[in-house]
PDB file of N, CA and C in Angstrom:
ATOM      1  N   UNK A   1      19.296  21.048   4.689  1.00  0.00           N
ATOM      2  CA  UNK A   1      18.170  21.789   4.524  1.00  0.00           C
ATOM      3  C   UNK A   1      18.067  22.570   3.326  1.00  0.00           C
ATOM      4  N   UNK A   2      16.847  22.648   2.643  1.00  0.00           N
ATOM      5  CA  UNK A   2      16.797  23.375   1.530  1.00  0.00           C
ATOM      6  C   UNK A   2      16.997  24.889   1.807  1.00  0.00           C
ATOM      7  N   UNK A   3      17.289  25.750   0.821  1.00  0.00           N
ATOM      8  CA  UNK A   3      17.385  27.177   1.029  1.00  0.00           C
ATOM      9  C   UNK A   3      16.169  27.878   1.410  1.00  0.00           C
ATOM     10  N   UNK A   4      15.125  27.341   0.823  1.00  0.00           N
ATOM     11  CA  UNK A   4      13.718  27.951   1.223  1.00  0.00           C
ATOM     12  C   UNK A   4      13.004  26.976   2.110  1.00  0.00           C
ATOM     13  N   UNK A   5      12.673  27.550   3.387  1.00  0.00           N
ATOM     14  CA  UNK A   5      12.203  26.661   4.340  1.00  0.00           C
ATOM     15  C   UNK A   5      10.692  27.265   4.643  1.00  0.00           C
ATOM     16  N   UNK A   6       9.829  26.336   4.597  1.00  0.00           N
ATOM     17  CA  UNK A   6       8.397  26.625   4.880  1.00  0.00           C
ATOM     18  C   UNK A   6       8.183  26.606   6.346  1.00  0.00           C
ATOM     19  N   UNK A   7       7.566  27.646   6.890  1.00  0.00           N
ATOM     20  CA  UNK A   7       7.221  27.540   8.390  1.00  0.00           C
ATOM     21  C   UNK A   7       5.829  27.066   8.606  1.00  0.00           C
ATOM     22  N   UNK A   8       5.708  26.436   9.664  1.00  0.00           N
ATOM     23  CA  UNK A   8       4.439  26.034  10.230  1.00  0.00           C
ATOM     24  C   UNK A   8       4.663  24.893  11.415  1.00  0.00           C
ATOM     25  N   UNK A   9       3.682  24.300  11.783  1.00  0.00           N
ATOM     26  CA  UNK A   9       3.894  23.431  12.931  1.00  0.00           C
ATOM     27  C   UNK A   9       4.740  22.228  12.457  1.00  0.00           C
ATOM     28  N   UNK A  10       4.720  21.625  11.363  1.00  0.00           N
ATOM     29  CA  UNK A  10       5.418  20.432  11.043  1.00  0.00           C
ATOM     30  C   UNK A  10       6.904  20.827  10.895  1.00  0.00           C
ATOM     31  N   UNK A  11       7.142  22.162  10.274  1.00  0.00           N
ATOM     32  CA  UNK A  11       8.481  22.594  10.039  1.00  0.00           C
ATOM     33  C   UNK A  11       9.226  22.815  11.429  1.00  0.00           C
ATOM     34  N   UNK A  12       8.391  23.408  12.354  1.00  0.00           N
ATOM     35  CA  UNK A  12       8.965  23.736  13.728  1.00  0.00           C
ATOM     36  C   UNK A  12       9.214  22.430  14.529  1.00  0.00           C
ATOM     37  N   UNK A  13       8.320  21.460  14.335  1.00  0.00           N
ATOM     38  CA  UNK A  13       8.693  20.212  15.063  1.00  0.00           C
ATOM     39  C   UNK A  13       9.894  19.354  14.361  1.00  0.00           C
ATOM     40  N   UNK A  14       9.984  19.668  13.063  1.00  0.00           N
ATOM     41  CA  UNK A  14      11.260  19.006  12.456  1.00  0.00           C
ATOM     42  C   UNK A  14      12.473  19.698  12.866  1.00  0.00           C
ATOM     43  N   UNK A  15      12.515  21.068  12.783  1.00  0.00           N
ATOM     44  CA  UNK A  15      13.642  21.729  13.399  1.00  0.00           C
ATOM     45  C   UNK A  15      13.879  21.328  14.799  1.00  0.00           C
ATOM     46  N   UNK A  16      13.034  21.155  15.616  1.00  0.00           N
ATOM     47  CA  UNK A  16      13.238  20.866  17.056  1.00  0.00           C
ATOM     48  C   UNK A  16      13.890  19.464  17.095  1.00  0.00           C
ATOM     49  N   UNK A  17      13.364  18.349  16.381  1.00  0.00           N
ATOM     50  CA  UNK A  17      13.934  17.197  16.407  1.00  0.00           C
ATOM     51  C   UNK A  17      15.503  17.138  15.906  1.00  0.00           C
ATOM     52  N   UNK A  18      15.575  17.868  14.896  1.00  0.00           N
ATOM     53  CA  UNK A  18      17.036  17.885  14.201  1.00  0.00           C
ATOM     54  C   UNK A  18      17.874  18.537  15.262  1.00  0.00           C
ATOM     55  N   UNK A  19      17.401  19.553  15.961  1.00  0.00           N
ATOM     56  CA  UNK A  19      18.340  20.231  16.968  1.00  0.00           C
ATOM     57  C   UNK A  19      18.701  19.261  18.070  1.00  0.00           C
ATOM     58  N   UNK A  20      17.636  18.489  18.491  1.00  0.00           N
ATOM     59  CA  UNK A  20      17.824  17.603  19.628  1.00  0.00           C
ATOM     60  C   UNK A  20      18.757  16.445  19.317  1.00  0.00           C
ATOM     61  N   UNK A  21      18.681  15.980  17.850  1.00  0.00           N
ATOM     62  CA  UNK A  21      19.633  15.026  17.388  1.00  0.00           C
ATOM     63  C   UNK A  21      20.990  15.606  17.357  1.00  0.00           C
ATOM     64  N   UNK A  22      21.023  16.744  16.905  1.00  0.00           N
ATOM     65  CA  UNK A  22      22.347  17.353  16.769  1.00  0.00           C
ATOM     66  C   UNK A  22      23.138  17.548  18.192  1.00  0.00           C
ATOM     67  N   UNK A  23      22.282  17.955  19.144  1.00  0.00           N
ATOM     68  CA  UNK A  23      22.758  18.131  20.563  1.00  0.00           C
ATOM     69  C   UNK A  23      23.331  16.714  21.135  1.00  0.00           C
ATOM     70  N   UNK A  24      22.458  15.684  20.862  1.00  0.00           N
ATOM     71  CA  UNK A  24      22.600  14.334  21.354  1.00  0.00           C
ATOM     72  C   UNK A  24      24.057  13.770  20.753  1.00  0.00           C
ATOM     73  N   UNK A  25      24.149  14.031  19.369  1.00  0.00           N
ATOM     74  CA  UNK A  25      25.245  13.551  18.610  1.00  0.00           C
ATOM     75  C   UNK A  25      26.560  14.212  19.265  1.00  0.00           C
ATOM     76  N   UNK A  26      26.450  15.502  19.366  1.00  0.00           N
ATOM     77  CA  UNK A  26      27.666  16.292  19.837  1.00  0.00           C
ATOM     78  C   UNK A  26      28.100  15.733  21.331  1.00  0.00           C
ATOM     79  N   UNK A  27      26.890  15.638  22.131  1.00  0.00           N
ATOM     80  CA  UNK A  27      27.234  15.003  23.547  1.00  0.00           C
ATOM     81  C   UNK A  27      27.856  13.648  23.545  1.00  0.00           C
ATOM     82  N   UNK A  28      27.534  12.862  22.557  1.00  0.00           N
ATOM     83  CA  UNK A  28      28.247  11.351  22.490  1.00  0.00           C
ATOM     84  C   UNK A  28      29.383  11.435  21.879  1.00  0.00           C
ATOM     85  N   UNK A  29      29.814  12.629  21.315  1.00  0.00           N
ATOM     86  CA  UNK A  29      31.110  12.480  20.419  1.00  0.00           C
ATOM     87  C   UNK A  29      31.050  12.175  18.966  1.00  0.00           C
ATOM     88  N   UNK A  30      29.731  12.131  18.584  1.00  0.00           N
ATOM     89  CA  UNK A  30      29.573  11.940  17.136  1.00  0.00           C
ATOM     90  C   UNK A  30      29.309  13.139  16.251  1.00  0.00           C
ATOM     91  N   UNK A  31      29.488  12.994  15.128  1.00  0.00           N
ATOM     92  CA  UNK A  31      29.122  13.948  14.165  1.00  0.00           C
ATOM     93  C   UNK A  31      27.538  13.973  13.738  1.00  0.00           C
ATOM     94  N   UNK A  32      26.854  15.037  13.847  1.00  0.00           N
ATOM     95  CA  UNK A  32      25.430  15.060  13.564  1.00  0.00           C
ATOM     96  C   UNK A  32      25.188  14.695  12.168  1.00  0.00           C
ATOM     97  N   UNK A  33      26.154  14.910  11.204  1.00  0.00           N
ATOM     98  CA  UNK A  33      25.979  14.446   9.729  1.00  0.00           C
ATOM     99  C   UNK A  33      25.998  13.014   9.762  1.00  0.00           C
ATOM    100  N   UNK A  34      26.553  12.270  10.664  1.00  0.00           N
ATOM    101  CA  UNK A  34      26.451  10.868  10.616  1.00  0.00           C
ATOM    102  C   UNK A  34      25.250  10.163  11.152  1.00  0.00           C
ATOM    103  N   UNK A  35      24.272  11.036  11.663  1.00  0.00           N
ATOM    104  CA  UNK A  35      22.973  10.500  12.011  1.00  0.00           C
ATOM    105  C   UNK A  35      21.985  10.789  11.100  1.00  0.00           C
ATOM    106  N   UNK A  36      21.157   9.815  10.669  1.00  0.00           N
ATOM    107  CA  UNK A  36      20.009   9.875   9.672  1.00  0.00           C
ATOM    108  C   UNK A  36      18.688   9.909  10.396  1.00  0.00           C
ATOM    109  N   UNK A  37      18.008  10.977  10.281  1.00  0.00           N
ATOM    110  CA  UNK A  37      16.688  11.041  10.734  1.00  0.00           C
ATOM    111  C   UNK A  37      15.632  10.715   9.753  1.00  0.00           C
ATOM    112  N   UNK A  38      14.911   9.635   9.984  1.00  0.00           N
ATOM    113  CA  UNK A  38      13.872   9.177   9.014  1.00  0.00           C
ATOM    114  C   UNK A  38      12.493   9.594   9.568  1.00  0.00           C
ATOM    115  N   UNK A  39      11.864  10.434   8.849  1.00  0.00           N
ATOM    116  CA  UNK A  39      10.575  10.979   9.351  1.00  0.00           C
ATOM    117  C   UNK A  39       9.475   9.922   8.717  1.00  0.00           C
ATOM    118  N   UNK A  40       8.809   9.382   9.760  1.00  0.00           N
ATOM    119  CA  UNK A  40       7.889   8.241   9.462  1.00  0.00           C
ATOM    120  C   UNK A  40       6.556   8.742   9.203  1.00  0.00           C
ATOM    121  N   UNK A  41       5.976   8.530   8.178  1.00  0.00           N
ATOM    122  CA  UNK A  41       4.698   8.895   7.547  1.00  0.00           C
ATOM    123  C   UNK A  41       3.611   7.977   7.976  1.00  0.00           C
ATOM    124  N   UNK A  42       3.830   7.007   8.826  1.00  0.00           N
ATOM    125  CA  UNK A  42       2.852   6.038   9.043  1.00  0.00           C
ATOM    126  C   UNK A  42       1.403   6.616   9.419  1.00  0.00           C
ATOM    127  N   UNK A  43       0.517   6.337   8.612  1.00  0.00           N
ATOM    128  CA  UNK A  43      -0.956   6.699   8.629  1.00  0.00           C
ATOM    129  C   UNK A  43      -1.115   8.270   8.529  1.00  0.00           C
ATOM    130  N   UNK A  44      -0.071   9.086   8.206  1.00  0.00           N
ATOM    131  CA  UNK A  44      -0.207  10.282   8.039  1.00  0.00           C
ATOM    132  C   UNK A  44      -0.537  10.666   6.571  1.00  0.00           C
ATOM    133  N   UNK A  45      -1.183  11.793   6.328  1.00  0.00           N
ATOM    134  CA  UNK A  45      -1.617  12.142   4.911  1.00  0.00           C
ATOM    135  C   UNK A  45      -0.453  12.573   4.113  1.00  0.00           C
ATOM    136  N   UNK A  46      -0.508  12.591   2.814  1.00  0.00           N
ATOM    137  CA  UNK A  46       0.422  13.037   1.992  1.00  0.00           C
ATOM    138  C   UNK A  46       0.752  14.381   2.223  1.00  0.00           C
ATOM    139  N   UNK A  47      -0.270  15.223   2.456  1.00  0.00           N
ATOM    140  CA  UNK A  47       0.013  16.747   2.627  1.00  0.00           C
ATOM    141  C   UNK A  47       0.784  16.995   3.781  1.00  0.00           C
ATOM    142  N   UNK A  48       0.834  16.216   4.829  1.00  0.00           N
ATOM    143  CA  UNK A  48       1.811  16.366   6.038  1.00  0.00           C
ATOM    144  C   UNK A  48       3.206  16.014   5.624  1.00  0.00           C
ATOM    145  N   UNK A  49       3.387  14.950   4.791  1.00  0.00           N
ATOM    146  CA  UNK A  49       4.580  14.542   4.382  1.00  0.00           C
ATOM    147  C   UNK A  49       5.227  15.604   3.502  1.00  0.00           C
ATOM    148  N   UNK A  50       4.347  16.151   2.631  1.00  0.00           N
ATOM    149  CA  UNK A  50       4.721  17.296   1.752  1.00  0.00           C
ATOM    150  C   UNK A  50       5.226  18.528   2.581  1.00  0.00           C
ATOM    151  N   UNK A  51       4.622  18.816   3.664  1.00  0.00           N
ATOM    152  CA  UNK A  51       4.973  19.930   4.458  1.00  0.00           C
ATOM    153  C   UNK A  51       6.399  19.820   5.143  1.00  0.00           C
ATOM    154  N   UNK A  52       6.696  18.516   5.512  1.00  0.00           N
ATOM    155  CA  UNK A  52       7.885  18.275   6.070  1.00  0.00           C
ATOM    156  C   UNK A  52       8.942  18.278   4.965  1.00  0.00           C
ATOM    157  N   UNK A  53       8.618  17.766   3.845  1.00  0.00           N
ATOM    158  CA  UNK A  53       9.576  17.869   2.609  1.00  0.00           C
ATOM    159  C   UNK A  53       9.844  19.398   2.302  1.00  0.00           C
ATOM    160  N   UNK A  54       8.806  20.211   2.258  1.00  0.00           N
ATOM    161  CA  UNK A  54       9.014  21.659   1.973  1.00  0.00           C
ATOM    162  C   UNK A  54       9.922  22.340   3.172  1.00  0.00           C
ATOM    163  N   UNK A  55       9.849  21.765   4.279  1.00  0.00           N
ATOM    164  CA  UNK A  55      10.790  22.198   5.351  1.00  0.00           C
ATOM    165  C   UNK A  55      12.389  21.885   5.088  1.00  0.00           C
ATOM    166  N   UNK A  56      12.463  20.939   4.002  1.00  0.00           N
ATOM    167  CA  UNK A  56      13.853  20.627   3.735  1.00  0.00           C
ATOM    168  C   UNK A  56      14.246  19.282   3.932  1.00  0.00           C
ATOM    169  N   UNK A  57      13.244  18.359   4.566  1.00  0.00           N
ATOM    170  CA  UNK A  57      13.636  17.064   4.909  1.00  0.00           C
ATOM    171  C   UNK A  57      13.423  16.131   3.685  1.00  0.00           C
ATOM    172  N   UNK A  58      14.324  15.167   3.448  1.00  0.00           N
ATOM    173  CA  UNK A  58      14.205  14.360   2.239  1.00  0.00           C
ATOM    174  C   UNK A  58      14.213  12.798   2.612  1.00  0.00           C
ATOM    175  N   UNK A  59      14.357  12.521   3.827  1.00  0.00           N
ATOM    176  CA  UNK A  59      14.374  11.068   4.246  1.00  0.00           C
ATOM    177  C   UNK A  59      13.104  10.634   4.800  1.00  0.00           C
ATOM    178  N   UNK A  60      12.290   9.763   4.283  1.00  0.00           N
ATOM    179  CA  UNK A  60      11.042   9.353   4.842  1.00  0.00           C
ATOM    180  C   UNK A  60      10.867   7.797   4.908  1.00  0.00           C
ATOM    181  N   UNK A  61      10.008   7.372   5.894  1.00  0.00           N
ATOM    182  CA  UNK A  61       9.886   5.946   5.982  1.00  0.00           C
ATOM    183  C   UNK A  61       8.412   5.613   6.126  1.00  0.00           C
ATOM    184  N   UNK A  62       8.005   4.469   5.742  1.00  0.00           N
ATOM    185  CA  UNK A  62       6.755   3.893   5.839  1.00  0.00           C
ATOM    186  C   UNK A  62       6.859   2.425   6.217  1.00  0.00           C
ATOM    187  N   UNK A  63       5.897   1.893   6.976  1.00  0.00           N
ATOM    188  CA  UNK A  63       6.065   0.461   7.377  1.00  0.00           C
ATOM    189  C   UNK A  63       4.913  -0.516   6.778  1.00  0.00           C
ATOM    190  N   UNK A  64       4.121   0.077   5.883  1.00  0.00           N
ATOM    191  CA  UNK A  64       3.272  -0.809   5.174  1.00  0.00           C
ATOM    192  C   UNK A  64       3.468  -0.653   3.776  1.00  0.00           C
ATOM    193  N   UNK A  65       3.647  -1.670   2.938  1.00  0.00           N
ATOM    194  CA  UNK A  65       3.933  -1.746   1.521  1.00  0.00           C
ATOM    195  C   UNK A  65       2.785  -0.790   0.790  1.00  0.00           C
ATOM    196  N   UNK A  66       1.561  -1.109   1.072  1.00  0.00           N
ATOM    197  CA  UNK A  66       0.515  -0.240   0.385  1.00  0.00           C
ATOM    198  C   UNK A  66       0.734   1.123   0.523  1.00  0.00           C
ATOM    199  N   UNK A  67       1.038   1.502   1.745  1.00  0.00           N
ATOM    200  CA  UNK A  67       1.060   3.130   2.080  1.00  0.00           C
ATOM    201  C   UNK A  67       2.151   3.663   1.308  1.00  0.00           C
ATOM    202  N   UNK A  68       3.379   3.048   1.230  1.00  0.00           N
ATOM    203  CA  UNK A  68       4.434   3.582   0.470  1.00  0.00           C
ATOM    204  C   UNK A  68       4.109   3.688  -0.998  1.00  0.00           C
ATOM    205  N   UNK A  69       3.593   2.637  -1.393  1.00  0.00           N
ATOM    206  CA  UNK A  69       3.212   2.565  -2.998  1.00  0.00           C
ATOM    207  C   UNK A  69       1.984   3.623  -3.241  1.00  0.00           C
ATOM    208  N   UNK A  70       1.283   3.980  -2.449  1.00  0.00           N
ATOM    209  CA  UNK A  70       0.124   5.007  -2.490  1.00  0.00           C
ATOM    210  C   UNK A  70       0.762   6.258  -2.447  1.00  0.00           C
ATOM    211  N   UNK A  71       1.614   6.532  -1.683  1.00  0.00           N
ATOM    212  CA  UNK A  71       2.085   7.849  -1.184  1.00  0.00           C
ATOM    213  C   UNK A  71       3.252   8.402  -2.025  1.00  0.00           C
ATOM    214  N   UNK A  72       4.113   7.462  -2.402  1.00  0.00           N
ATOM    215  CA  UNK A  72       5.521   7.794  -3.116  1.00  0.00           C
ATOM    216  C   UNK A  72       5.193   8.583  -4.417  1.00  0.00           C
ATOM    217  N   UNK A  73       4.189   8.138  -5.272  1.00  0.00           N
ATOM    218  CA  UNK A  73       3.892   8.776  -6.558  1.00  0.00           C
ATOM    219  C   UNK A  73       3.317  10.220  -6.421  1.00  0.00           C
ATOM    220  N   UNK A  74       2.868  10.462  -5.258  1.00  0.00           N
ATOM    221  CA  UNK A  74       2.268  11.828  -5.088  1.00  0.00           C
ATOM    222  C   UNK A  74       3.263  12.694  -4.533  1.00  0.00           C
ATOM    223  N   UNK A  75       4.504  12.349  -4.231  1.00  0.00           N
ATOM    224  CA  UNK A  75       5.469  13.172  -3.726  1.00  0.00           C
ATOM    225  C   UNK A  75       6.613  13.321  -4.508  1.00  0.00           C
ATOM    226  N   UNK A  76       7.624  14.338  -4.301  1.00  0.00           N
ATOM    227  CA  UNK A  76       8.897  14.577  -5.156  1.00  0.00           C
ATOM    228  C   UNK A  76       9.728  13.196  -5.229  1.00  0.00           C
ATOM    229  N   UNK A  77      10.348  13.104  -6.391  1.00  0.00           N
ATOM    230  CA  UNK A  77      11.210  12.022  -6.691  1.00  0.00           C
ATOM    231  C   UNK A  77      12.562  11.896  -5.907  1.00  0.00           C
ATOM    232  N   UNK A  78      12.839  13.132  -5.304  1.00  0.00           N
ATOM    233  CA  UNK A  78      14.266  13.127  -4.591  1.00  0.00           C
ATOM    234  C   UNK A  78      14.115  12.743  -3.127  1.00  0.00           C
ATOM    235  N   UNK A  79      12.914  12.170  -2.691  1.00  0.00           N
ATOM    236  CA  UNK A  79      12.784  11.602  -1.424  1.00  0.00           C
ATOM    237  C   UNK A  79      13.431  10.186  -1.402  1.00  0.00           C
ATOM    238  N   UNK A  80      14.142  10.152  -0.289  1.00  0.00           N
ATOM    239  CA  UNK A  80      14.867   8.821  -0.034  1.00  0.00           C
ATOM    240  C   UNK A  80      14.080   7.948   0.888  1.00  0.00           C
ATOM    241  N   UNK A  81      13.261   6.934   0.189  1.00  0.00           N
ATOM    242  CA  UNK A  81      12.259   6.159   0.997  1.00  0.00           C
ATOM    243  C   UNK A  81      13.022   5.041   1.713  1.00  0.00           C
ATOM    244  N   UNK A  82      12.538   4.886   2.964  1.00  0.00           N
ATOM    245  CA  UNK A  82      12.938   3.658   3.730  1.00  0.00           C
ATOM    246  C   UNK A  82      11.806   2.893   4.108  1.00  0.00           C
ATOM    247  N   UNK A  83      11.855   1.640   3.750  1.00  0.00           N
ATOM    248  CA  UNK A  83      10.582   0.644   4.242  1.00  0.00           C
ATOM    249  C   UNK A  83      11.061   0.205   5.603  1.00  0.00           C
ATOM    250  N   UNK A  84      10.344   0.405   6.664  1.00  0.00           N
ATOM    251  CA  UNK A  84      10.702   0.233   7.997  1.00  0.00           C
ATOM    252  C   UNK A  84       9.938  -0.966   8.585  1.00  0.00           C
ATOM    253  N   UNK A  85       9.232  -1.583   7.818  1.00  0.00           N
ATOM    254  CA  UNK A  85       8.433  -2.717   8.439  1.00  0.00           C
ATOM    255  C   UNK A  85       9.024  -3.982   7.906  1.00  0.00           C
ATOM    256  N   UNK A  86       8.458  -5.150   8.300  1.00  0.00           N
ATOM    257  CA  UNK A  86       8.942  -6.372   7.790  1.00  0.00           C
ATOM    258  C   UNK A  86       8.480  -6.624   6.454  1.00  0.00           C
ATOM    259  N   UNK A  87       9.279  -6.875   5.526  1.00  0.00           N
ATOM    260  CA  UNK A  87       8.863  -7.096   4.117  1.00  0.00           C
ATOM    261  C   UNK A  87       8.578  -8.516   3.879  1.00  0.00           C
ATOM    262  N   UNK A  88       7.301  -8.937   3.544  1.00  0.00           N
ATOM    263  CA  UNK A  88       6.992 -10.224   3.186  1.00  0.00           C
ATOM    264  C   UNK A  88       7.486 -10.564   1.713  1.00  0.00           C
ATOM    265  N   UNK A  89       7.890 -11.834   1.600  1.00  0.00           N
ATOM    266  CA  UNK A  89       8.406 -12.203   0.219  1.00  0.00           C
ATOM    267  C   UNK A  89       7.439 -11.905  -0.830  1.00  0.00           C
ATOM    268  N   UNK A  90       6.069 -12.022  -0.549  1.00  0.00           N
ATOM    269  CA  UNK A  90       5.218 -11.904  -1.740  1.00  0.00           C
ATOM    270  C   UNK A  90       4.888 -10.391  -2.065  1.00  0.00           C
ATOM    271  N   UNK A  91       5.573  -9.416  -1.339  1.00  0.00           N
ATOM    272  CA  UNK A  91       5.508  -8.155  -1.578  1.00  0.00           C
ATOM    273  C   UNK A  91       6.644  -7.322  -2.138  1.00  0.00           C
ATOM    274  N   UNK A  92       7.814  -8.083  -2.224  1.00  0.00           N
ATOM    275  CA  UNK A  92       9.018  -7.619  -2.637  1.00  0.00           C
ATOM    276  C   UNK A  92       8.934  -7.034  -3.974  1.00  0.00           C
ATOM    277  N   UNK A  93       8.441  -7.715  -4.959  1.00  0.00           N
ATOM    278  CA  UNK A  93       8.374  -7.268  -6.334  1.00  0.00           C
ATOM    279  C   UNK A  93       7.621  -6.041  -6.466  1.00  0.00           C
ATOM    280  N   UNK A  94       6.440  -5.977  -5.876  1.00  0.00           N
ATOM    281  CA  UNK A  94       5.629  -4.807  -6.041  1.00  0.00           C
ATOM    282  C   UNK A  94       6.168  -3.580  -5.520  1.00  0.00           C
ATOM    283  N   UNK A  95       6.872  -3.681  -4.229  1.00  0.00           N
ATOM    284  CA  UNK A  95       7.465  -2.623  -3.666  1.00  0.00           C
ATOM    285  C   UNK A  95       8.709  -2.087  -4.551  1.00  0.00           C
ATOM    286  N   UNK A  96       9.531  -3.019  -4.922  1.00  0.00           N
ATOM    287  CA  UNK A  96      10.708  -2.540  -5.775  1.00  0.00           C
ATOM    288  C   UNK A  96      10.340  -1.995  -7.101  1.00  0.00           C
ATOM    289  N   UNK A  97       9.140  -2.517  -7.753  1.00  0.00           N
ATOM    290  CA  UNK A  97       8.755  -2.019  -9.055  1.00  0.00           C
ATOM    291  C   UNK A  97       8.112  -0.551  -8.887  1.00  0.00           C
ATOM    292  N   UNK A  98       7.403  -0.455  -7.745  1.00  0.00           N
ATOM    293  CA  UNK A  98       6.678   0.889  -7.496  1.00  0.00           C
ATOM    294  C   UNK A  98       7.453   2.038  -7.060  1.00  0.00           C
ATOM    295  N   UNK A  99       8.675   1.757  -6.452  1.00  0.00           N
ATOM    296  CA  UNK A  99       9.366   2.898  -5.642  1.00  0.00           C
ATOM    297  C   UNK A  99      10.650   2.800  -6.161  1.00  0.00           C
ATOM    298  N   UNK A 100      11.091   3.494  -7.221  1.00  0.00           N
ATOM    299  CA  UNK A 100      12.431   3.483  -7.777  1.00  0.00           C
ATOM    300  C   UNK A 100      13.426   4.231  -6.716  1.00  0.00           C
ATOM    301  N   UNK A 101      12.834   5.122  -6.026  1.00  0.00           N
ATOM    302  CA  UNK A 101      13.777   5.816  -5.132  1.00  0.00           C
ATOM    303  C   UNK A 101      13.748   5.253  -3.641  1.00  0.00           C
ATOM    304  N   UNK A 102      13.595   3.872  -3.504  1.00  0.00           N
ATOM    305  CA  UNK A 102      13.611   3.205  -2.271  1.00  0.00           C
ATOM    306  C   UNK A 102      15.143   3.141  -1.887  1.00  0.00           C
ATOM    307  N   UNK A 103      15.573   3.676  -0.786  1.00  0.00           N
ATOM    308  CA  UNK A 103      16.821   3.713  -0.240  1.00  0.00           C
ATOM    309  C   UNK A 103      17.266   2.564   0.452  1.00  0.00           C
ATOM    310  N   UNK A 104      16.177   1.953   1.442  1.00  0.00           N
ATOM    311  CA  UNK A 104      16.569   1.120   2.325  1.00  0.00           C
ATOM    312  C   UNK A 104      15.366   0.159   2.667  1.00  0.00           C
ATOM    313  N   UNK A 105      15.644  -1.103   2.946  1.00  0.00           N
ATOM    314  CA  UNK A 105      14.608  -1.846   3.480  1.00  0.00           C
ATOM    315  C   UNK A 105      15.028  -2.393   4.835  1.00  0.00           C
ATOM    316  N   UNK A 106      14.353  -1.989   5.860  1.00  0.00           N
ATOM    317  CA  UNK A 106      15.017  -2.173   7.349  1.00  0.00           C
ATOM    318  C   UNK A 106      14.808  -3.656   7.725  1.00  0.00           C
ATOM    319  N   UNK A 107      13.748  -4.330   7.206  1.00  0.00           N
ATOM    320  CA  UNK A 107      13.737  -5.682   7.622  1.00  0.00           C
ATOM    321  C   UNK A 107      12.960  -6.536   6.850  1.00  0.00           C
ATOM    322  N   UNK A 108      13.254  -7.853   6.691  1.00  0.00           N
ATOM    323  CA  UNK A 108      12.576  -8.852   5.734  1.00  0.00           C
ATOM    324  C   UNK A 108      12.213  -9.994   6.622  1.00  0.00           C
ATOM    325  N   UNK A 109      11.098 -10.622   6.303  1.00  0.00           N
ATOM    326  CA  UNK A 109      10.550 -11.706   7.006  1.00  0.00           C
ATOM    327  C   UNK A 109      11.420 -13.035   7.059  1.00  0.00           C
ATOM    328  N   UNK A 110      12.165 -13.162   5.992  1.00  0.00           N
ATOM    329  CA  UNK A 110      12.977 -14.347   5.830  1.00  0.00           C
ATOM    330  C   UNK A 110      14.128 -14.187   4.724  1.00  0.00           C
ATOM    331  N   UNK A 111      15.019 -15.095   4.554  1.00  0.00           N
ATOM    332  CA  UNK A 111      16.064 -14.938   3.695  1.00  0.00           C
ATOM    333  C   UNK A 111      15.562 -15.019   2.177  1.00  0.00           C
ATOM    334  N   UNK A 112      14.435 -15.735   1.886  1.00  0.00           N
ATOM    335  CA  UNK A 112      13.929 -15.683   0.584  1.00  0.00           C
ATOM    336  C   UNK A 112      13.582 -14.281   0.149  1.00  0.00           C
ATOM    337  N   UNK A 113      13.048 -13.500   1.038  1.00  0.00           N
ATOM    338  CA  UNK A 113      12.728 -12.014   0.584  1.00  0.00           C
ATOM    339  C   UNK A 113      13.905 -11.163   0.469  1.00  0.00           C
ATOM    340  N   UNK A 114      15.070 -11.509   0.887  1.00  0.00           N
ATOM    341  CA  UNK A 114      16.209 -10.621   0.906  1.00  0.00           C
ATOM    342  C   UNK A 114      17.070 -11.048  -0.286  1.00  0.00           C
ATOM    343  N   UNK A 115      16.735 -11.989  -0.990  1.00  0.00           N
ATOM    344  CA  UNK A 115      17.514 -12.451  -2.317  1.00  0.00           C
ATOM    345  C   UNK A 115      16.987 -11.795  -3.562  1.00  0.00           C
TER     346      UNK A 115
END
């Protein structure tokens, strides 16, 4: 988490989720640091993603190529973006070209898209 934390409903919700994840990790014998929480911005406005970012979170996901391409340039560069939908081969180049801070693609439609 960042040193300066912005308070509000999104920040409170984030803190609650992270607390529950920490508890679940400890109960299962895992380290909370080994669990990555991806905040999914699906259909949410950039302003809400910015609020979660301001609360210290840096890992975000989108499941539509056009949404991530539209939102990412409006947000800080240190966000680790996850594409969590199925990536079609005809959209691979546009996604990779538009999002230099893309950390992960969770699914591809076929092996052609993964090469």
